[in-house]
Amino acid sequence: MLQLEIPQVTVTEAIAAVTQRMRLQPHTDRIIARAGDMRAAEKLYVAAGHDGELHAVSADLPAIGGDGEYLEYAYDGGLVTSKQGREIYDQIMEGAPHERCPLCGRGIATTLDHQLPKSEYPILAIIPANLVPVCGPCNQKKSNKAPADASEMLLHPYFDELGASRWLRAKIHEETPARAEYFIQPGENWSTVLAGRVVRHFNFFGLRRQYAVAAAEKLATSRIRHAGLLDRGGPGELRLHLEEAAEDHWSVSGNTWEGALYTALAESDWYMNGGVNLM
């Protein structure tokens, strides 16, 4: 759940790249013939993304007629496999911060995902704003079903601005071993719809469990260091270390499971006063 910059490359550049040396001439001709429609679709898509209306964009997109298979081929046979197309593909992939998947915040981004599926929206198949660098598991998890309304839209890393507040939170359960439970705390100025979409995204990708598993490993591997800090400097020294670690993550990547974990540990009097030694 990380925010990315919208790719600087345009669909005009993508069309030129995928058709430059495409061997199937009929496909090249049909793709080039729809260039104007793809440029129009790009403008509509970006405007709808900024307005939070992507779920309704299909009503305004140019009709594809019988060109669906050619438009999809522009991605599969051009952007993915051709040398010139792959340069565009890789440029979009570079937008992932530290190569992290923006949908889960944990996996390594290895592929591009169509935010609105190309099977349902062939006209958007090579529009860069519809292509998001993600990890394999998140790509497989997303369905090809078109969203019926705003509540069914998963978060879009290019358009959904969740703000600078700390909305991903964790609670430390006082048990042996200690356990972190993650939850969403709606951000300042979030609408009811946006809050619901964030929770849906969180649940859809199983992030509560993913983050809890990652946190359990982090707690286990950090126990000796944390116990040493507590023994040498007391609760104050350990809390300072955890607060600084949390700030490092928040300042660099925003709302991440690591930042939420360190914040929760720093806020836990139980952990500060010996809970770390019960792990």
C-alpha atoms as a PDB file:
ATOM      1  CA  MET A   1       0.000   0.000   0.000  1.00  0.00           C
ATOM      2  CA  LEU A   2       2.557   2.495  -1.250  1.00  0.00           C
ATOM      3  CA  GLN A   3       1.986   5.521  -3.446  1.00  0.00           C
ATOM      4  CA  LEU A   4       3.869   5.847  -6.753  1.00  0.00           C
ATOM      5  CA  GLU A   5       4.414   8.653  -9.235  1.00  0.00           C
ATOM      6  CA  ILE A   6       2.423   8.379 -12.461  1.00  0.00           C
ATOM      7  CA  PRO A   7       4.754   7.148 -15.257  1.00  0.00           C
ATOM      8  CA  GLN A   8       6.158   9.961 -17.377  1.00  0.00           C
ATOM      9  CA  VAL A   9       5.973   7.870 -20.546  1.00  0.00           C
ATOM     10  CA  THR A  10       2.815   8.335 -22.647  1.00  0.00           C
ATOM     11  CA  VAL A  11       0.675   5.961 -24.664  1.00  0.00           C
ATOM     12  CA  THR A  12       1.912   7.717 -27.832  1.00  0.00           C
ATOM     13  CA  GLU A  13       5.451   6.620 -26.975  1.00  0.00           C
ATOM     14  CA  ALA A  14       4.208   3.137 -26.098  1.00  0.00           C
ATOM     15  CA  ILE A  15       2.422   2.776 -29.458  1.00  0.00           C
ATOM     16  CA  ALA A  16       5.529   3.860 -31.357  1.00  0.00           C
ATOM     17  CA  ALA A  17       7.663   1.383 -29.418  1.00  0.00           C
ATOM     18  CA  VAL A  18       5.430  -1.673 -29.783  1.00  0.00           C
ATOM     19  CA  THR A  19       4.775  -1.168 -33.501  1.00  0.00           C
ATOM     20  CA  GLN A  20       8.308  -0.247 -34.533  1.00  0.00           C
ATOM     21  CA  ARG A  21       9.318  -3.776 -35.495  1.00  0.00           C
ATOM     22  CA  MET A  22       6.139  -5.780 -35.017  1.00  0.00           C
ATOM     23  CA  ARG A  23       6.261  -8.714 -37.433  1.00  0.00           C
ATOM     24  CA  LEU A  24       2.522  -9.167 -37.824  1.00  0.00           C
ATOM     25  CA  GLN A  25       1.638  -6.378 -40.252  1.00  0.00           C
ATOM     26  CA  PRO A  26      -2.165  -6.620 -39.823  1.00  0.00           C
ATOM     27  CA  HIS A  27      -1.703  -6.179 -36.083  1.00  0.00           C
ATOM     28  CA  THR A  28       0.576  -3.180 -36.614  1.00  0.00           C
ATOM     29  CA  ASP A  29      -1.930  -1.495 -38.914  1.00  0.00           C
ATOM     30  CA  ARG A  30      -4.889  -2.067 -36.573  1.00  0.00           C
ATOM     31  CA  ILE A  31      -2.963  -0.815 -33.536  1.00  0.00           C
ATOM     32  CA  ILE A  32      -1.782   2.330 -35.318  1.00  0.00           C
ATOM     33  CA  ALA A  33      -5.313   2.942 -36.615  1.00  0.00           C
ATOM     34  CA  ARG A  34      -6.547   3.054 -32.995  1.00  0.00           C
ATOM     35  CA  ALA A  35      -3.784   5.428 -31.807  1.00  0.00           C
ATOM     36  CA  GLY A  36      -6.168   8.388 -31.589  1.00  0.00           C
ATOM     37  CA  ASP A  37      -8.644   6.373 -29.554  1.00  0.00           C
ATOM     38  CA  MET A  38      -5.904   5.235 -27.187  1.00  0.00           C
ATOM     39  CA  ARG A  39      -4.741   8.809 -26.667  1.00  0.00           C
ATOM     40  CA  ALA A  40      -8.327   9.841 -25.920  1.00  0.00           C
ATOM     41  CA  ALA A  41      -8.668   6.885 -23.526  1.00  0.00           C
ATOM     42  CA  GLU A  42      -5.474   7.903 -21.750  1.00  0.00           C
ATOM     43  CA  LYS A  43      -6.822  11.405 -21.077  1.00  0.00           C
ATOM     44  CA  LEU A  44     -10.129  10.006 -19.826  1.00  0.00           C
ATOM     45  CA  TYR A  45      -8.376   7.449 -17.632  1.00  0.00           C
ATOM     46  CA  VAL A  46      -6.025   9.942 -15.971  1.00  0.00           C
ATOM     47  CA  ALA A  47      -8.847  12.437 -15.384  1.00  0.00           C
ATOM     48  CA  ALA A  48     -11.056   9.704 -13.902  1.00  0.00           C
ATOM     49  CA  GLY A  49      -8.169   8.508 -11.731  1.00  0.00           C
ATOM     50  CA  HIS A  50      -7.647  11.946 -10.231  1.00  0.00           C
ATOM     51  CA  ASP A  51     -11.402  12.309  -9.675  1.00  0.00           C
ATOM     52  CA  GLY A  52     -11.777   8.873  -8.067  1.00  0.00           C
ATOM     53  CA  GLU A  53     -14.099   7.741 -10.848  1.00  0.00           C
ATOM     54  CA  LEU A  54     -12.142   4.930 -12.529  1.00  0.00           C
ATOM     55  CA  HIS A  55     -14.923   2.470 -11.770  1.00  0.00           C
ATOM     56  CA  ALA A  56     -17.167   4.452 -14.145  1.00  0.00           C
ATOM     57  CA  VAL A  57     -14.663   5.214 -16.903  1.00  0.00           C
ATOM     58  CA  SER A  58     -15.883   2.413 -19.197  1.00  0.00           C
ATOM     59  CA  ALA A  59     -18.953   4.439 -20.152  1.00  0.00           C
ATOM     60  CA  ASP A  60     -16.754   7.123 -21.732  1.00  0.00           C
ATOM     61  CA  LEU A  61     -14.016   5.039 -23.357  1.00  0.00           C
ATOM     62  CA  PRO A  62     -13.948   4.745 -27.171  1.00  0.00           C
ATOM     63  CA  ALA A  63     -15.650   1.625 -28.494  1.00  0.00           C
ATOM     64  CA  ILE A  64     -13.176  -1.070 -29.543  1.00  0.00           C
ATOM     65  CA  GLY A  65     -15.318  -2.825 -32.148  1.00  0.00           C
ATOM     66  CA  GLY A  66     -13.502  -5.908 -33.390  1.00  0.00           C
ATOM     67  CA  ASP A  67     -10.033  -4.659 -32.429  1.00  0.00           C
ATOM     68  CA  GLY A  68      -9.880  -6.114 -28.921  1.00  0.00           C
ATOM     69  CA  GLU A  69      -7.434  -8.889 -29.785  1.00  0.00           C
ATOM     70  CA  TYR A  70      -5.120  -6.463 -31.591  1.00  0.00           C
ATOM     71  CA  LEU A  71      -5.131  -4.014 -28.702  1.00  0.00           C
ATOM     72  CA  GLU A  72      -4.321  -6.802 -26.238  1.00  0.00           C
ATOM     73  CA  TYR A  73      -1.577  -8.016 -28.563  1.00  0.00           C
ATOM     74  CA  ALA A  74       0.006  -4.571 -28.350  1.00  0.00           C
ATOM     75  CA  TYR A  75       0.812  -5.490 -24.754  1.00  0.00           C
ATOM     76  CA  ASP A  76       1.541  -9.232 -24.998  1.00  0.00           C
ATOM     77  CA  GLY A  77       3.330  -9.153 -28.337  1.00  0.00           C
ATOM     78  CA  GLY A  78       4.789  -5.679 -28.115  1.00  0.00           C
ATOM     79  CA  LEU A  79       5.312  -4.109 -24.711  1.00  0.00           C
ATOM     80  CA  VAL A  80       6.338  -7.377 -23.061  1.00  0.00           C
ATOM     81  CA  THR A  81       8.344  -9.116 -25.763  1.00  0.00           C
ATOM     82  CA  SER A  82       9.747  -6.605 -28.266  1.00  0.00           C
ATOM     83  CA  LYS A  83      13.055  -4.846 -27.578  1.00  0.00           C
ATOM     84  CA  GLN A  84      11.618  -1.362 -28.030  1.00  0.00           C
ATOM     85  CA  GLY A  85       8.460  -2.180 -26.081  1.00  0.00           C
ATOM     86  CA  ARG A  86      10.455  -3.733 -23.265  1.00  0.00           C
ATOM     87  CA  GLU A  87      12.310  -0.468 -22.766  1.00  0.00           C
ATOM     88  CA  ILE A  88       8.962   1.188 -21.990  1.00  0.00           C
ATOM     89  CA  TYR A  89       7.992  -1.770 -19.782  1.00  0.00           C
ATOM     90  CA  ASP A  90      11.221  -1.506 -17.791  1.00  0.00           C
ATOM     91  CA  GLN A  91      10.852   2.261 -17.458  1.00  0.00           C
ATOM     92  CA  ILE A  92       7.478   1.786 -15.790  1.00  0.00           C
ATOM     93  CA  MET A  93       8.882  -0.995 -13.587  1.00  0.00           C
ATOM     94  CA  GLU A  94      11.516   1.418 -12.259  1.00  0.00           C
ATOM     95  CA  GLY A  95       8.734   3.393 -10.574  1.00  0.00           C
ATOM     96  CA  ALA A  96       8.472   0.843  -7.742  1.00  0.00           C
ATOM     97  CA  PRO A  97      10.181   2.337  -4.646  1.00  0.00           C
ATOM     98  CA  HIS A  98      13.165   0.159  -3.727  1.00  0.00           C
ATOM     99  CA  GLU A  99      11.583  -2.459  -6.054  1.00  0.00           C
ATOM    100  CA  ARG A 100       8.791  -3.034  -3.541  1.00  0.00           C
ATOM    101  CA  CYS A 101       5.300  -3.984  -4.640  1.00  0.00           C
ATOM    102  CA  PRO A 102       2.999  -1.025  -3.894  1.00  0.00           C
ATOM    103  CA  LEU A 103      -0.071  -3.224  -3.422  1.00  0.00           C
ATOM    104  CA  CYS A 104       1.277  -5.175  -0.449  1.00  0.00           C
ATOM    105  CA  GLY A 105       4.398  -3.228   0.502  1.00  0.00           C
ATOM    106  CA  ARG A 106       6.360  -6.447   1.052  1.00  0.00           C
ATOM    107  CA  GLY A 107       6.967  -8.341  -2.185  1.00  0.00           C
ATOM    108  CA  ILE A 108       9.502  -7.532  -4.897  1.00  0.00           C
ATOM    109  CA  ALA A 109       7.917  -5.951  -7.970  1.00  0.00           C
ATOM    110  CA  THR A 110       8.662  -8.291 -10.879  1.00  0.00           C
ATOM    111  CA  THR A 111       5.840  -7.658 -13.347  1.00  0.00           C
ATOM    112  CA  LEU A 112       3.343  -5.055 -14.544  1.00  0.00           C
ATOM    113  CA  ASP A 113      -0.299  -5.386 -13.576  1.00  0.00           C
ATOM    114  CA  HIS A 114      -3.251  -3.837 -15.398  1.00  0.00           C
ATOM    115  CA  GLN A 115      -5.119  -1.896 -12.726  1.00  0.00           C
ATOM    116  CA  LEU A 116      -8.207  -2.195 -14.927  1.00  0.00           C
ATOM    117  CA  PRO A 117      -7.850  -5.595 -16.654  1.00  0.00           C
ATOM    118  CA  LYS A 118      -6.982  -5.584 -20.342  1.00  0.00           C
ATOM    119  CA  SER A 119      -9.449  -8.412 -20.965  1.00  0.00           C
ATOM    120  CA  GLU A 120     -12.259  -6.048 -19.954  1.00  0.00           C
ATOM    121  CA  TYR A 121     -10.638  -2.840 -21.217  1.00  0.00           C
ATOM    122  CA  PRO A 122      -8.441  -3.647 -24.269  1.00  0.00           C
ATOM    123  CA  ILE A 123      -8.201   0.054 -25.139  1.00  0.00           C
ATOM    124  CA  LEU A 124      -6.213   0.507 -21.895  1.00  0.00           C
ATOM    125  CA  ALA A 125      -3.805  -2.392 -22.544  1.00  0.00           C
ATOM    126  CA  ILE A 126      -0.676  -0.270 -23.093  1.00  0.00           C
ATOM    127  CA  ILE A 127      -1.692   2.968 -21.375  1.00  0.00           C
ATOM    128  CA  PRO A 128       1.143   3.507 -18.849  1.00  0.00           C
ATOM    129  CA  ALA A 129      -1.129   4.989 -16.154  1.00  0.00           C
ATOM    130  CA  ASN A 130      -2.994   1.658 -16.108  1.00  0.00           C
ATOM    131  CA  LEU A 131       0.200  -0.377 -15.642  1.00  0.00           C
ATOM    132  CA  VAL A 132       1.507  -0.825 -12.099  1.00  0.00           C
ATOM    133  CA  PRO A 133       4.723  -2.636 -11.056  1.00  0.00           C
ATOM    134  CA  VAL A 134       3.701  -5.389  -8.617  1.00  0.00           C
ATOM    135  CA  CYS A 135       4.902  -8.683  -7.167  1.00  0.00           C
ATOM    136  CA  GLY A 136       3.833 -12.017  -8.631  1.00  0.00           C
ATOM    137  CA  PRO A 137       1.487 -13.040  -5.780  1.00  0.00           C
ATOM    138  CA  CYS A 138      -0.410  -9.731  -5.881  1.00  0.00           C
ATOM    139  CA  ASN A 139      -0.674  -9.949  -9.668  1.00  0.00           C
ATOM    140  CA  GLN A 140      -2.156 -13.438  -9.389  1.00  0.00           C
ATOM    141  CA  LYS A 141      -4.481 -12.440  -6.568  1.00  0.00           C
ATOM    142  CA  LYS A 142      -6.126  -9.608  -8.503  1.00  0.00           C
ATOM    143  CA  SER A 143      -9.080 -10.752 -10.542  1.00  0.00           C
ATOM    144  CA  ASN A 144     -10.022  -9.706 -14.074  1.00  0.00           C
ATOM    145  CA  LYS A 145     -13.445  -8.583 -12.915  1.00  0.00           C
ATOM    146  CA  ALA A 146     -14.350  -4.982 -13.672  1.00  0.00           C
ATOM    147  CA  PRO A 147     -15.386  -2.999 -10.550  1.00  0.00           C
ATOM    148  CA  ALA A 148     -19.116  -2.306 -10.394  1.00  0.00           C
ATOM    149  CA  ASP A 149     -18.793   0.794  -8.208  1.00  0.00           C
ATOM    150  CA  ALA A 150     -16.279   2.830  -6.226  1.00  0.00           C
ATOM    151  CA  SER A 151     -16.432   0.480  -3.233  1.00  0.00           C
ATOM    152  CA  GLU A 152     -15.072  -2.393  -5.372  1.00  0.00           C
ATOM    153  CA  MET A 153     -12.013  -0.461  -6.558  1.00  0.00           C
ATOM    154  CA  LEU A 154      -8.750  -1.601  -5.021  1.00  0.00           C
ATOM    155  CA  LEU A 155      -6.296   1.176  -4.239  1.00  0.00           C
ATOM    156  CA  HIS A 156      -4.532   2.681  -7.246  1.00  0.00           C
ATOM    157  CA  PRO A 157      -0.888   3.536  -6.386  1.00  0.00           C
ATOM    158  CA  TYR A 158      -0.823   6.398  -8.909  1.00  0.00           C
ATOM    159  CA  PHE A 159      -4.006   8.194  -7.885  1.00  0.00           C
ATOM    160  CA  ASP A 160      -5.132   7.341  -4.363  1.00  0.00           C
ATOM    161  CA  GLU A 161      -3.555   9.867  -2.003  1.00  0.00           C
ATOM    162  CA  LEU A 162      -3.851   8.561   1.540  1.00  0.00           C
ATOM    163  CA  GLY A 163      -2.066  11.456   3.179  1.00  0.00           C
ATOM    164  CA  ALA A 164       0.906  11.705   5.503  1.00  0.00           C
ATOM    165  CA  SER A 165      -0.860  10.544   8.668  1.00  0.00           C
ATOM    166  CA  ARG A 166      -0.038   7.162  10.144  1.00  0.00           C
ATOM    167  CA  TRP A 167      -3.041   5.105   9.133  1.00  0.00           C
ATOM    168  CA  LEU A 168      -1.416   1.656   9.223  1.00  0.00           C
ATOM    169  CA  ARG A 169      -1.218   0.704  12.863  1.00  0.00           C
ATOM    170  CA  ALA A 170      -0.256  -2.293  14.976  1.00  0.00           C
ATOM    171  CA  LYS A 171      -1.047  -3.463  18.500  1.00  0.00           C
ATOM    172  CA  ILE A 172       1.324  -5.593  20.569  1.00  0.00           C
ATOM    173  CA  HIS A 173      -0.400  -8.487  22.334  1.00  0.00           C
ATOM    174  CA  GLU A 174       1.126  -9.109  25.735  1.00  0.00           C
ATOM    175  CA  GLU A 175       1.781 -12.819  25.441  1.00  0.00           C
ATOM    176  CA  THR A 176       4.690 -15.207  24.976  1.00  0.00           C
ATOM    177  CA  PRO A 177       5.939 -14.786  22.347  1.00  0.00           C
ATOM    178  CA  ALA A 178       4.745 -11.229  21.730  1.00  0.00           C
ATOM    179  CA  ARG A 179       2.434 -10.838  18.731  1.00  0.00           C
ATOM    180  CA  ALA A 180       1.626  -7.834  16.535  1.00  0.00           C
ATOM    181  CA  GLU A 181      -1.877  -7.355  15.188  1.00  0.00           C
ATOM    182  CA  TYR A 182      -2.302  -4.901  12.299  1.00  0.00           C
ATOM    183  CA  PHE A 183      -5.311  -2.716  11.558  1.00  0.00           C
ATOM    184  CA  ILE A 184      -6.338   0.383   9.610  1.00  0.00           C
ATOM    185  CA  GLN A 185      -6.890   3.663  11.432  1.00  0.00           C
ATOM    186  CA  PRO A 186      -8.637   5.973   8.918  1.00  0.00           C
ATOM    187  CA  GLY A 187      -6.534   8.974   8.007  1.00  0.00           C
ATOM    188  CA  GLU A 188      -7.419  12.603   8.464  1.00  0.00           C
ATOM    189  CA  ASN A 189      -9.890  13.873   5.859  1.00  0.00           C
ATOM    190  CA  TRP A 190     -10.608  10.405   4.457  1.00  0.00           C
ATOM    191  CA  SER A 191     -14.075  10.030   3.005  1.00  0.00           C
ATOM    192  CA  THR A 192     -16.243   7.113   4.039  1.00  0.00           C
ATOM    193  CA  VAL A 193     -15.761   5.582   0.579  1.00  0.00           C
ATOM    194  CA  LEU A 194     -11.963   5.886   0.715  1.00  0.00           C
ATOM    195  CA  ALA A 195     -11.833   4.423   4.222  1.00  0.00           C
ATOM    196  CA  GLY A 196     -13.895   1.471   3.021  1.00  0.00           C
ATOM    197  CA  ARG A 197     -11.643   0.968  -0.010  1.00  0.00           C
ATOM    198  CA  VAL A 198      -8.485   0.964   2.120  1.00  0.00           C
ATOM    199  CA  VAL A 199      -9.976  -1.671   4.420  1.00  0.00           C
ATOM    200  CA  ARG A 200     -11.136  -3.704   1.401  1.00  0.00           C
ATOM    201  CA  HIS A 201      -7.645  -3.551  -0.122  1.00  0.00           C
ATOM    202  CA  PHE A 202      -6.121  -4.545   3.238  1.00  0.00           C
ATOM    203  CA  ASN A 203      -8.445  -7.542   3.511  1.00  0.00           C
ATOM    204  CA  PHE A 204      -8.372  -8.532  -0.176  1.00  0.00           C
ATOM    205  CA  PHE A 205      -4.608  -9.046  -0.184  1.00  0.00           C
ATOM    206  CA  GLY A 206      -4.575 -10.648   3.274  1.00  0.00           C
ATOM    207  CA  LEU A 207      -2.246  -7.979   4.623  1.00  0.00           C
ATOM    208  CA  ARG A 208      -3.248  -8.448   8.261  1.00  0.00           C
ATOM    209  CA  ARG A 209      -1.816 -11.962   8.196  1.00  0.00           C
ATOM    210  CA  GLN A 210       1.111 -11.111   5.907  1.00  0.00           C
ATOM    211  CA  TYR A 211       2.257  -8.293   8.149  1.00  0.00           C
ATOM    212  CA  ALA A 212       1.738 -10.318  11.331  1.00  0.00           C
ATOM    213  CA  VAL A 213       3.915 -13.137   9.978  1.00  0.00           C
ATOM    214  CA  ALA A 214       6.643 -10.698   8.929  1.00  0.00           C
ATOM    215  CA  ALA A 215       6.441  -8.974  12.322  1.00  0.00           C
ATOM    216  CA  ALA A 216       6.788 -12.293  14.188  1.00  0.00           C
ATOM    217  CA  GLU A 217      10.043 -12.987  12.362  1.00  0.00           C
ATOM    218  CA  LYS A 218      11.298  -9.457  13.012  1.00  0.00           C
ATOM    219  CA  LEU A 219      10.468  -9.735  16.724  1.00  0.00           C
ATOM    220  CA  ALA A 220      12.273 -13.054  16.996  1.00  0.00           C
ATOM    221  CA  THR A 221      15.428 -11.802  15.282  1.00  0.00           C
ATOM    222  CA  SER A 222      15.464  -8.507  17.224  1.00  0.00           C
ATOM    223  CA  ARG A 223      14.890  -9.937  20.699  1.00  0.00           C
ATOM    224  CA  ILE A 224      18.536 -10.201  21.760  1.00  0.00           C
ATOM    225  CA  ARG A 225      19.359  -6.670  20.639  1.00  0.00           C
ATOM    226  CA  HIS A 226      16.272  -5.197  22.274  1.00  0.00           C
ATOM    227  CA  ALA A 227      16.898  -7.111  25.497  1.00  0.00           C
ATOM    228  CA  GLY A 228      20.481  -5.841  25.518  1.00  0.00           C
ATOM    229  CA  LEU A 229      19.350  -2.245  25.104  1.00  0.00           C
ATOM    230  CA  LEU A 230      16.883  -2.676  27.957  1.00  0.00           C
ATOM    231  CA  ASP A 231      19.537  -4.237  30.193  1.00  0.00           C
ATOM    232  CA  ARG A 232      22.172  -1.572  29.495  1.00  0.00           C
ATOM    233  CA  GLY A 233      20.074   1.590  29.313  1.00  0.00           C
ATOM    234  CA  GLY A 234      16.675   0.762  30.736  1.00  0.00           C
ATOM    235  CA  PRO A 235      13.247   1.374  29.178  1.00  0.00           C
ATOM    236  CA  GLY A 236      14.210   4.864  28.015  1.00  0.00           C
ATOM    237  CA  GLU A 237      17.105   3.613  25.892  1.00  0.00           C
ATOM    238  CA  LEU A 238      15.029   0.870  24.296  1.00  0.00           C
ATOM    239  CA  ARG A 239      12.106   3.213  23.600  1.00  0.00           C
ATOM    240  CA  LEU A 240      14.415   5.775  21.956  1.00  0.00           C
ATOM    241  CA  HIS A 241      15.872   3.086  19.699  1.00  0.00           C
ATOM    242  CA  LEU A 242      12.419   1.898  18.655  1.00  0.00           C
ATOM    243  CA  GLU A 243      11.139   5.429  18.040  1.00  0.00           C
ATOM    244  CA  GLU A 244      14.150   6.209  15.843  1.00  0.00           C
ATOM    245  CA  ALA A 245      13.700   2.961  13.920  1.00  0.00           C
ATOM    246  CA  ALA A 246      10.029   3.771  13.385  1.00  0.00           C
ATOM    247  CA  GLU A 247      10.836   7.275  12.160  1.00  0.00           C
ATOM    248  CA  ASP A 248      13.394   5.897   9.707  1.00  0.00           C
ATOM    249  CA  HIS A 249      10.711   3.743   8.077  1.00  0.00           C
ATOM    250  CA  TRP A 250       7.957   6.375   8.194  1.00  0.00           C
ATOM    251  CA  SER A 251      10.144   9.100   6.704  1.00  0.00           C
ATOM    252  CA  VAL A 252      11.460   6.971   3.843  1.00  0.00           C
ATOM    253  CA  SER A 253       8.498   4.813   2.838  1.00  0.00           C
ATOM    254  CA  GLY A 254       5.450   6.134   4.663  1.00  0.00           C
ATOM    255  CA  ASN A 255       2.996   3.580   6.031  1.00  0.00           C
ATOM    256  CA  THR A 256       4.869   0.287   6.113  1.00  0.00           C
ATOM    257  CA  TRP A 257       4.479  -2.770   8.313  1.00  0.00           C
ATOM    258  CA  GLU A 258       7.964  -2.145   9.778  1.00  0.00           C
ATOM    259  CA  GLY A 259       7.183   1.437  10.771  1.00  0.00           C
ATOM    260  CA  ALA A 260       3.883   0.404  12.320  1.00  0.00           C
ATOM    261  CA  LEU A 261       5.598  -2.416  14.234  1.00  0.00           C
ATOM    262  CA  TYR A 262       8.327  -0.230  15.734  1.00  0.00           C
ATOM    263  CA  THR A 263       5.791   2.439  16.687  1.00  0.00           C
ATOM    264  CA  ALA A 264       3.625  -0.163  18.430  1.00  0.00           C
ATOM    265  CA  LEU A 265       6.628  -1.564  20.302  1.00  0.00           C
ATOM    266  CA  ALA A 266       7.693   1.916  21.432  1.00  0.00           C
ATOM    267  CA  GLU A 267       4.146   2.560  22.710  1.00  0.00           C
ATOM    268  CA  SER A 268       3.987  -0.734  24.626  1.00  0.00           C
ATOM    269  CA  ASP A 269       4.857  -0.241  28.306  1.00  0.00           C
ATOM    270  CA  TRP A 270       4.681  -4.021  28.695  1.00  0.00           C
ATOM    271  CA  TYR A 271       7.425  -4.532  26.094  1.00  0.00           C
ATOM    272  CA  MET A 272       9.531  -1.708  27.586  1.00  0.00           C
ATOM    273  CA  ASN A 273       9.319  -3.120  31.107  1.00  0.00           C
ATOM    274  CA  GLY A 274      10.424  -6.658  30.447  1.00  0.00           C
ATOM    275  CA  GLY A 275       8.025  -8.122  27.914  1.00  0.00           C
ATOM    276  CA  VAL A 276      10.931  -8.364  25.497  1.00  0.00           C
ATOM    277  CA  ASN A 277      12.564 -10.861  27.863  1.00  0.00           C
ATOM    278  CA  LEU A 278       9.523 -13.157  27.766  1.00  0.00           C
ATOM    279  CA  MET A 279       9.949 -13.933  24.099  1.00  0.00           C
END
